[in-house]
Amino acid sequence: MQTVEIYTSPFCGFCHAAKRLLVHKGVSFAEVDVAANPERKPEMIQRASGGRTVPQIFIGDTHVGGCDELYALERAGKLDALLQG
């Protein structure tokens, strides 16, 4: 199973939706709350090729993008394969 990292903030509905999908699938993930840890936001922006909004989701070395992209992978049947590596 690939490692999953998600940059979030506590008041972001898209962050909660993305985490719900991962939890539903039984996927453990590391969460970085950029509101509580603002010093981590530049790291997120760099890793996300300039992406400044949350969530920013990484599966292994792959930058998935945000919540919409995560759900699109799930609908296309590609998320499980990406998670397996």
PDB file of N, CA and C in Angstrom:
ATOM      1  N   MET A   1       0.857  -1.185   0.000  1.00  0.00           N
ATOM      2  CA  MET A   1       0.000   0.000   0.000  1.00  0.00           C
ATOM      3  C   MET A   1       0.892   1.234   0.000  1.00  0.00           C
ATOM      4  N   GLN A   2       0.573   2.162  -0.868  1.00  0.00           N
ATOM      5  CA  GLN A   2       1.307   3.420  -0.951  1.00  0.00           C
ATOM      6  C   GLN A   2       1.008   4.286   0.275  1.00  0.00           C
ATOM      7  N   THR A   3       1.942   5.153   0.605  1.00  0.00           N
ATOM      8  CA  THR A   3       1.666   6.128   1.654  1.00  0.00           C
ATOM      9  C   THR A   3       0.758   7.213   1.084  1.00  0.00           C
ATOM     10  N   VAL A   4      -0.116   7.709   1.912  1.00  0.00           N
ATOM     11  CA  VAL A   4      -1.050   8.756   1.495  1.00  0.00           C
ATOM     12  C   VAL A   4      -0.868   9.937   2.438  1.00  0.00           C
ATOM     13  N   GLU A   5      -0.681  11.112   1.856  1.00  0.00           N
ATOM     14  CA  GLU A   5      -0.567  12.349   2.623  1.00  0.00           C
ATOM     15  C   GLU A   5      -1.603  13.328   2.107  1.00  0.00           C
ATOM     16  N   ILE A   6      -2.233  14.029   3.030  1.00  0.00           N
ATOM     17  CA  ILE A   6      -3.243  15.003   2.646  1.00  0.00           C
ATOM     18  C   ILE A   6      -3.051  16.271   3.476  1.00  0.00           C
ATOM     19  N   TYR A   7      -2.909  17.381   2.772  1.00  0.00           N
ATOM     20  CA  TYR A   7      -2.818  18.696   3.407  1.00  0.00           C
ATOM     21  C   TYR A   7      -4.235  19.241   3.520  1.00  0.00           C
ATOM     22  N   THR A   8      -4.608  19.684   4.715  1.00  0.00           N
ATOM     23  CA  THR A   8      -5.989  20.089   4.982  1.00  0.00           C
ATOM     24  C   THR A   8      -6.039  21.358   5.821  1.00  0.00           C
ATOM     25  N   SER A   9      -7.266  21.819   6.023  1.00  0.00           N
ATOM     26  CA  SER A   9      -7.563  22.806   7.058  1.00  0.00           C
ATOM     27  C   SER A   9      -8.895  22.381   7.684  1.00  0.00           C
ATOM     28  N   PRO A  10      -9.128  22.732   8.937  1.00  0.00           N
ATOM     29  CA  PRO A  10     -10.286  22.177   9.658  1.00  0.00           C
ATOM     30  C   PRO A  10     -11.648  22.637   9.155  1.00  0.00           C
ATOM     31  N   PHE A  11     -11.731  23.749   8.466  1.00  0.00           N
ATOM     32  CA  PHE A  11     -13.034  24.274   8.041  1.00  0.00           C
ATOM     33  C   PHE A  11     -13.317  24.019   6.565  1.00  0.00           C
ATOM     34  N   CYS A  12     -12.581  23.106   5.974  1.00  0.00           N
ATOM     35  CA  CYS A  12     -12.680  22.827   4.536  1.00  0.00           C
ATOM     36  C   CYS A  12     -13.575  21.615   4.300  1.00  0.00           C
ATOM     37  N   GLY A  13     -14.739  21.841   3.701  1.00  0.00           N
ATOM     38  CA  GLY A  13     -15.656  20.747   3.399  1.00  0.00           C
ATOM     39  C   GLY A  13     -15.068  19.736   2.429  1.00  0.00           C
ATOM     40  N   PHE A  14     -14.285  20.211   1.463  1.00  0.00           N
ATOM     41  CA  PHE A  14     -13.659  19.297   0.504  1.00  0.00           C
ATOM     42  C   PHE A  14     -12.632  18.405   1.194  1.00  0.00           C
ATOM     43  N   CYS A  15     -11.936  18.954   2.183  1.00  0.00           N
ATOM     44  CA  CYS A  15     -10.978  18.160   2.964  1.00  0.00           C
ATOM     45  C   CYS A  15     -11.700  17.041   3.693  1.00  0.00           C
ATOM     46  N   HIS A  16     -12.818  17.369   4.326  1.00  0.00           N
ATOM     47  CA  HIS A  16     -13.591  16.367   5.055  1.00  0.00           C
ATOM     48  C   HIS A  16     -14.117  15.293   4.109  1.00  0.00           C
ATOM     49  N   ALA A  17     -14.564  15.692   2.921  1.00  0.00           N
ATOM     50  CA  ALA A  17     -15.082  14.727   1.951  1.00  0.00           C
ATOM     51  C   ALA A  17     -13.969  13.793   1.465  1.00  0.00           C
ATOM     52  N   ALA A  18     -12.803  14.331   1.207  1.00  0.00           N
ATOM     53  CA  ALA A  18     -11.683  13.504   0.752  1.00  0.00           C
ATOM     54  C   ALA A  18     -11.286  12.512   1.842  1.00  0.00           C
ATOM     55  N   LYS A  19     -11.210  12.974   3.072  1.00  0.00           N
ATOM     56  CA  LYS A  19     -10.849  12.091   4.183  1.00  0.00           C
ATOM     57  C   LYS A  19     -11.914  11.018   4.379  1.00  0.00           C
ATOM     58  N   ARG A  20     -13.193  11.371   4.215  1.00  0.00           N
ATOM     59  CA  ARG A  20     -14.279  10.381   4.343  1.00  0.00           C
ATOM     60  C   ARG A  20     -14.100   9.243   3.340  1.00  0.00           C
ATOM     61  N   LEU A  21     -13.769   9.596   2.096  1.00  0.00           N
ATOM     62  CA  LEU A  21     -13.578   8.568   1.078  1.00  0.00           C
ATOM     63  C   LEU A  21     -12.415   7.654   1.456  1.00  0.00           C
ATOM     64  N   LEU A  22     -11.314   8.235   1.892  1.00  0.00           N
ATOM     65  CA  LEU A  22     -10.158   7.427   2.268  1.00  0.00           C
ATOM     66  C   LEU A  22     -10.483   6.519   3.453  1.00  0.00           C
ATOM     67  N   VAL A  23     -11.177   7.049   4.459  1.00  0.00           N
ATOM     68  CA  VAL A  23     -11.563   6.248   5.620  1.00  0.00           C
ATOM     69  C   VAL A  23     -12.509   5.130   5.189  1.00  0.00           C
ATOM     70  N   HIS A  24     -13.480   5.451   4.330  1.00  0.00           N
ATOM     71  CA  HIS A  24     -14.432   4.457   3.823  1.00  0.00           C
ATOM     72  C   HIS A  24     -13.706   3.308   3.129  1.00  0.00           C
ATOM     73  N   LYS A  25     -12.620   3.627   2.430  1.00  0.00           N
ATOM     74  CA  LYS A  25     -11.851   2.609   1.716  1.00  0.00           C
ATOM     75  C   LYS A  25     -10.858   1.898   2.635  1.00  0.00           C
ATOM     76  N   GLY A  26     -10.773   2.323   3.899  1.00  0.00           N
ATOM     77  CA  GLY A  26      -9.856   1.690   4.834  1.00  0.00           C
ATOM     78  C   GLY A  26      -8.410   2.102   4.647  1.00  0.00           C
ATOM     79  N   VAL A  27      -8.210   3.274   4.062  1.00  0.00           N
ATOM     80  CA  VAL A  27      -6.866   3.766   3.776  1.00  0.00           C
ATOM     81  C   VAL A  27      -6.394   4.649   4.927  1.00  0.00           C
ATOM     82  N   SER A  28      -5.232   4.329   5.476  1.00  0.00           N
ATOM     83  CA  SER A  28      -4.665   5.210   6.493  1.00  0.00           C
ATOM     84  C   SER A  28      -3.887   6.311   5.777  1.00  0.00           C
ATOM     85  N   PHE A  29      -3.859   7.480   6.390  1.00  0.00           N
ATOM     86  CA  PHE A  29      -3.195   8.615   5.755  1.00  0.00           C
ATOM     87  C   PHE A  29      -2.593   9.516   6.813  1.00  0.00           C
ATOM     88  N   ALA A  30      -1.572  10.253   6.387  1.00  0.00           N
ATOM     89  CA  ALA A  30      -0.959  11.274   7.230  1.00  0.00           C
ATOM     90  C   ALA A  30      -1.595  12.602   6.844  1.00  0.00           C
ATOM     91  N   GLU A  31      -2.076  13.317   7.837  1.00  0.00           N
ATOM     92  CA  GLU A  31      -2.744  14.600   7.592  1.00  0.00           C
ATOM     93  C   GLU A  31      -1.875  15.737   8.112  1.00  0.00           C
ATOM     94  N   VAL A  32      -1.735  16.759   7.284  1.00  0.00           N
ATOM     95  CA  VAL A  32      -1.023  17.975   7.689  1.00  0.00           C
ATOM     96  C   VAL A  32      -2.039  19.116   7.669  1.00  0.00           C
ATOM     97  N   ASP A  33      -2.378  19.623   8.828  1.00  0.00           N
ATOM     98  CA  ASP A  33      -3.304  20.741   8.960  1.00  0.00           C
ATOM     99  C   ASP A  33      -2.502  22.028   8.776  1.00  0.00           C
ATOM    100  N   VAL A  34      -2.662  22.661   7.606  1.00  0.00           N
ATOM    101  CA  VAL A  34      -1.863  23.862   7.317  1.00  0.00           C
ATOM    102  C   VAL A  34      -2.375  25.091   8.057  1.00  0.00           C
ATOM    103  N   ALA A  35      -3.571  25.015   8.636  1.00  0.00           N
ATOM    104  CA  ALA A  35      -4.053  26.120   9.474  1.00  0.00           C
ATOM    105  C   ALA A  35      -3.340  26.083  10.822  1.00  0.00           C
ATOM    106  N   ALA A  36      -3.179  24.892  11.372  1.00  0.00           N
ATOM    107  CA  ALA A  36      -2.498  24.740  12.661  1.00  0.00           C
ATOM    108  C   ALA A  36      -0.983  24.769  12.510  1.00  0.00           C
ATOM    109  N   ASN A  37      -0.502  24.442  11.310  1.00  0.00           N
ATOM    110  CA  ASN A  37       0.940  24.393  11.032  1.00  0.00           C
ATOM    111  C   ASN A  37       1.253  25.222   9.792  1.00  0.00           C
ATOM    112  N   PRO A  38       1.088  26.546   9.862  1.00  0.00           N
ATOM    113  CA  PRO A  38       1.267  27.380   8.664  1.00  0.00           C
ATOM    114  C   PRO A  38       2.674  27.306   8.069  1.00  0.00           C
ATOM    115  N   GLU A  39       3.642  26.900   8.858  1.00  0.00           N
ATOM    116  CA  GLU A  39       5.002  26.770   8.329  1.00  0.00           C
ATOM    117  C   GLU A  39       5.114  25.635   7.308  1.00  0.00           C
ATOM    118  N   ARG A  40       4.117  24.753   7.264  1.00  0.00           N
ATOM    119  CA  ARG A  40       4.107  23.639   6.304  1.00  0.00           C
ATOM    120  C   ARG A  40       3.455  24.011   4.968  1.00  0.00           C
ATOM    121  N   LYS A  41       2.776  25.176   4.913  1.00  0.00           N
ATOM    122  CA  LYS A  41       2.087  25.552   3.675  1.00  0.00           C
ATOM    123  C   LYS A  41       3.050  25.748   2.504  1.00  0.00           C
ATOM    124  N   PRO A  42       4.219  26.394   2.670  1.00  0.00           N
ATOM    125  CA  PRO A  42       5.145  26.494   1.532  1.00  0.00           C
ATOM    126  C   PRO A  42       5.579  25.125   0.998  1.00  0.00           C
ATOM    127  N   GLU A  43       5.748  24.172   1.893  1.00  0.00           N
ATOM    128  CA  GLU A  43       6.078  22.795   1.493  1.00  0.00           C
ATOM    129  C   GLU A  43       4.959  22.234   0.618  1.00  0.00           C
ATOM    130  N   MET A  44       3.702  22.429   1.036  1.00  0.00           N
ATOM    131  CA  MET A  44       2.562  21.950   0.271  1.00  0.00           C
ATOM    132  C   MET A  44       2.530  22.585  -1.112  1.00  0.00           C
ATOM    133  N   ILE A  45       2.719  23.896  -1.159  1.00  0.00           N
ATOM    134  CA  ILE A  45       2.675  24.622  -2.436  1.00  0.00           C
ATOM    135  C   ILE A  45       3.757  24.116  -3.381  1.00  0.00           C
ATOM    136  N   GLN A  46       4.946  23.893  -2.856  1.00  0.00           N
ATOM    137  CA  GLN A  46       6.033  23.394  -3.688  1.00  0.00           C
ATOM    138  C   GLN A  46       5.728  21.994  -4.198  1.00  0.00           C
ATOM    139  N   ARG A  47       5.296  21.112  -3.305  1.00  0.00           N
ATOM    140  CA  ARG A  47       4.993  19.731  -3.712  1.00  0.00           C
ATOM    141  C   ARG A  47       3.838  19.678  -4.703  1.00  0.00           C
ATOM    142  N   ALA A  48       2.883  20.607  -4.566  1.00  0.00           N
ATOM    143  CA  ALA A  48       1.689  20.616  -5.420  1.00  0.00           C
ATOM    144  C   ALA A  48       1.884  21.477  -6.660  1.00  0.00           C
ATOM    145  N   SER A  49       3.134  21.779  -7.000  1.00  0.00           N
ATOM    146  CA  SER A  49       3.447  22.580  -8.200  1.00  0.00           C
ATOM    147  C   SER A  49       2.660  23.881  -8.228  1.00  0.00           C
ATOM    148  N   GLY A  50       2.615  24.559  -7.088  1.00  0.00           N
ATOM    149  CA  GLY A  50       1.961  25.855  -7.012  1.00  0.00           C
ATOM    150  C   GLY A  50       0.539  25.817  -6.474  1.00  0.00           C
ATOM    151  N   GLY A  51       0.010  24.632  -6.228  1.00  0.00           N
ATOM    152  CA  GLY A  51      -1.349  24.522  -5.687  1.00  0.00           C
ATOM    153  C   GLY A  51      -1.425  25.117  -4.292  1.00  0.00           C
ATOM    154  N   ARG A  52      -2.322  26.071  -4.101  1.00  0.00           N
ATOM    155  CA  ARG A  52      -2.421  26.778  -2.825  1.00  0.00           C
ATOM    156  C   ARG A  52      -3.659  26.416  -2.027  1.00  0.00           C
ATOM    157  N   THR A  53      -4.601  25.721  -2.641  1.00  0.00           N
ATOM    158  CA  THR A  53      -5.849  25.384  -1.960  1.00  0.00           C
ATOM    159  C   THR A  53      -5.738  24.001  -1.312  1.00  0.00           C
ATOM    160  N   VAL A  54      -6.574  23.784  -0.323  1.00  0.00           N
ATOM    161  CA  VAL A  54      -6.637  22.467   0.302  1.00  0.00           C
ATOM    162  C   VAL A  54      -7.952  21.796  -0.076  1.00  0.00           C
ATOM    163  N   PRO A  55      -7.983  20.495  -0.136  1.00  0.00           N
ATOM    164  CA  PRO A  55      -6.892  19.596   0.166  1.00  0.00           C
ATOM    165  C   PRO A  55      -5.915  19.462  -1.000  1.00  0.00           C
ATOM    166  N   GLN A  56      -4.707  19.087  -0.681  1.00  0.00           N
ATOM    167  CA  GLN A  56      -3.722  18.635  -1.663  1.00  0.00           C
ATOM    168  C   GLN A  56      -3.384  17.213  -1.234  1.00  0.00           C
ATOM    169  N   ILE A  57      -3.580  16.280  -2.159  1.00  0.00           N
ATOM    170  CA  ILE A  57      -3.483  14.858  -1.828  1.00  0.00           C
ATOM    171  C   ILE A  57      -2.348  14.218  -2.620  1.00  0.00           C
ATOM    172  N   PHE A  58      -1.542  13.435  -1.900  1.00  0.00           N
ATOM    173  CA  PHE A  58      -0.419  12.726  -2.501  1.00  0.00           C
ATOM    174  C   PHE A  58      -0.549  11.254  -2.160  1.00  0.00           C
ATOM    175  N   ILE A  59      -0.433  10.419  -3.188  1.00  0.00           N
ATOM    176  CA  ILE A  59      -0.421   8.971  -3.002  1.00  0.00           C
ATOM    177  C   ILE A  59       0.924   8.490  -3.527  1.00  0.00           C
ATOM    178  N   GLY A  60       1.752   8.028  -2.613  1.00  0.00           N
ATOM    179  CA  GLY A  60       3.130   7.711  -2.992  1.00  0.00           C
ATOM    180  C   GLY A  60       3.788   8.979  -3.515  1.00  0.00           C
ATOM    181  N   ASP A  61       4.408   8.889  -4.667  1.00  0.00           N
ATOM    182  CA  ASP A  61       5.050  10.054  -5.286  1.00  0.00           C
ATOM    183  C   ASP A  61       4.100  10.819  -6.207  1.00  0.00           C
ATOM    184  N   THR A  62       2.858  10.383  -6.311  1.00  0.00           N
ATOM    185  CA  THR A  62       1.895  10.983  -7.239  1.00  0.00           C
ATOM    186  C   THR A  62       1.079  12.071  -6.560  1.00  0.00           C
ATOM    187  N   HIS A  63       1.089  13.258  -7.166  1.00  0.00           N
ATOM    188  CA  HIS A  63       0.222  14.341  -6.699  1.00  0.00           C
ATOM    189  C   HIS A  63      -1.131  14.134  -7.357  1.00  0.00           C
ATOM    190  N   VAL A  64      -2.108  13.743  -6.573  1.00  0.00           N
ATOM    191  CA  VAL A  64      -3.452  13.487  -7.089  1.00  0.00           C
ATOM    192  C   VAL A  64      -4.155  14.799  -7.407  1.00  0.00           C
ATOM    193  N   GLY A  65      -3.966  15.793  -6.554  1.00  0.00           N
ATOM    194  CA  GLY A  65      -4.686  17.057  -6.671  1.00  0.00           C
ATOM    195  C   GLY A  65      -5.584  17.203  -5.462  1.00  0.00           C
ATOM    196  N   GLY A  66      -6.810  17.616  -5.708  1.00  0.00           N
ATOM    197  CA  GLY A  66      -7.745  17.856  -4.625  1.00  0.00           C
ATOM    198  C   GLY A  66      -8.827  16.800  -4.530  1.00  0.00           C
ATOM    199  N   CYS A  67      -9.889  17.159  -3.845  1.00  0.00           N
ATOM    200  CA  CYS A  67     -11.002  16.249  -3.593  1.00  0.00           C
ATOM    201  C   CYS A  67     -11.667  15.789  -4.895  1.00  0.00           C
ATOM    202  N   ASP A  68     -11.910  16.721  -5.806  1.00  0.00           N
ATOM    203  CA  ASP A  68     -12.570  16.361  -7.064  1.00  0.00           C
ATOM    204  C   ASP A  68     -11.761  15.327  -7.835  1.00  0.00           C
ATOM    205  N   GLU A  69     -10.451  15.504  -7.855  1.00  0.00           N
ATOM    206  CA  GLU A  69      -9.593  14.570  -8.578  1.00  0.00           C
ATOM    207  C   GLU A  69      -9.572  13.204  -7.895  1.00  0.00           C
ATOM    208  N   LEU A  70      -9.589  13.191  -6.558  1.00  0.00           N
ATOM    209  CA  LEU A  70      -9.623  11.933  -5.822  1.00  0.00           C
ATOM    210  C   LEU A  70     -10.902  11.163  -6.141  1.00  0.00           C
ATOM    211  N   TYR A  71     -12.039  11.847  -6.124  1.00  0.00           N
ATOM    212  CA  TYR A  71     -13.318  11.186  -6.428  1.00  0.00           C
ATOM    213  C   TYR A  71     -13.389  10.767  -7.893  1.00  0.00           C
ATOM    214  N   ALA A  72     -12.773  11.533  -8.783  1.00  0.00           N
ATOM    215  CA  ALA A  72     -12.751  11.156 -10.202  1.00  0.00           C
ATOM    216  C   ALA A  72     -11.970   9.857 -10.392  1.00  0.00           C
ATOM    217  N   LEU A  73     -10.852   9.722  -9.678  1.00  0.00           N
ATOM    218  CA  LEU A  73     -10.092   8.469  -9.742  1.00  0.00           C
ATOM    219  C   LEU A  73     -10.943   7.300  -9.245  1.00  0.00           C
ATOM    220  N   GLU A  74     -11.682   7.519  -8.178  1.00  0.00           N
ATOM    221  CA  GLU A  74     -12.543   6.470  -7.632  1.00  0.00           C
ATOM    222  C   GLU A  74     -13.629   6.087  -8.635  1.00  0.00           C
ATOM    223  N   ARG A  75     -14.289   7.077  -9.232  1.00  0.00           N
ATOM    224  CA  ARG A  75     -15.357   6.796 -10.213  1.00  0.00           C
ATOM    225  C   ARG A  75     -14.819   6.059 -11.432  1.00  0.00           C
ATOM    226  N   ALA A  76     -13.586   6.380 -11.832  1.00  0.00           N
ATOM    227  CA  ALA A  76     -12.974   5.742 -13.005  1.00  0.00           C
ATOM    228  C   ALA A  76     -12.412   4.367 -12.680  1.00  0.00           C
ATOM    229  N   GLY A  77     -12.460   3.968 -11.400  1.00  0.00           N
ATOM    230  CA  GLY A  77     -11.927   2.660 -11.023  1.00  0.00           C
ATOM    231  C   GLY A  77     -10.410   2.616 -10.969  1.00  0.00           C
ATOM    232  N   LYS A  78      -9.768   3.780 -10.851  1.00  0.00           N
ATOM    233  CA  LYS A  78      -8.304   3.843 -10.876  1.00  0.00           C
ATOM    234  C   LYS A  78      -7.674   4.081  -9.503  1.00  0.00           C
ATOM    235  N   LEU A  79      -8.478   4.430  -8.517  1.00  0.00           N
ATOM    236  CA  LEU A  79      -7.928   4.783  -7.209  1.00  0.00           C
ATOM    237  C   LEU A  79      -7.299   3.576  -6.519  1.00  0.00           C
ATOM    238  N   ASP A  80      -7.968   2.435  -6.547  1.00  0.00           N
ATOM    239  CA  ASP A  80      -7.431   1.253  -5.864  1.00  0.00           C
ATOM    240  C   ASP A  80      -6.061   0.860  -6.423  1.00  0.00           C
ATOM    241  N   ALA A  81      -5.912   0.907  -7.737  1.00  0.00           N
ATOM    242  CA  ALA A  81      -4.619   0.547  -8.354  1.00  0.00           C
ATOM    243  C   ALA A  81      -3.538   1.536  -7.932  1.00  0.00           C
ATOM    244  N   LEU A  82      -3.882   2.819  -7.884  1.00  0.00           N
ATOM    245  CA  LEU A  82      -2.900   3.825  -7.466  1.00  0.00           C
ATOM    246  C   LEU A  82      -2.502   3.601  -6.011  1.00  0.00           C
ATOM    247  N   LEU A  83      -3.471   3.273  -5.170  1.00  0.00           N
ATOM    248  CA  LEU A  83      -3.182   3.011  -3.766  1.00  0.00           C
ATOM    249  C   LEU A  83      -2.300   1.777  -3.587  1.00  0.00           C
ATOM    250  N   GLN A  84      -2.488   0.780  -4.433  1.00  0.00           N
ATOM    251  CA  GLN A  84      -1.684  -0.436  -4.342  1.00  0.00           C
ATOM    252  C   GLN A  84      -0.274  -0.247  -4.873  1.00  0.00           C
ATOM    253  N   GLY A  85      -0.111   0.740  -5.773  1.00  0.00           N
ATOM    254  CA  GLY A  85       1.225   1.015  -6.311  1.00  0.00           C
ATOM    255  C   GLY A  85       1.537   0.086  -7.416  1.00  0.00           C
TER     256      GLY A  85
END
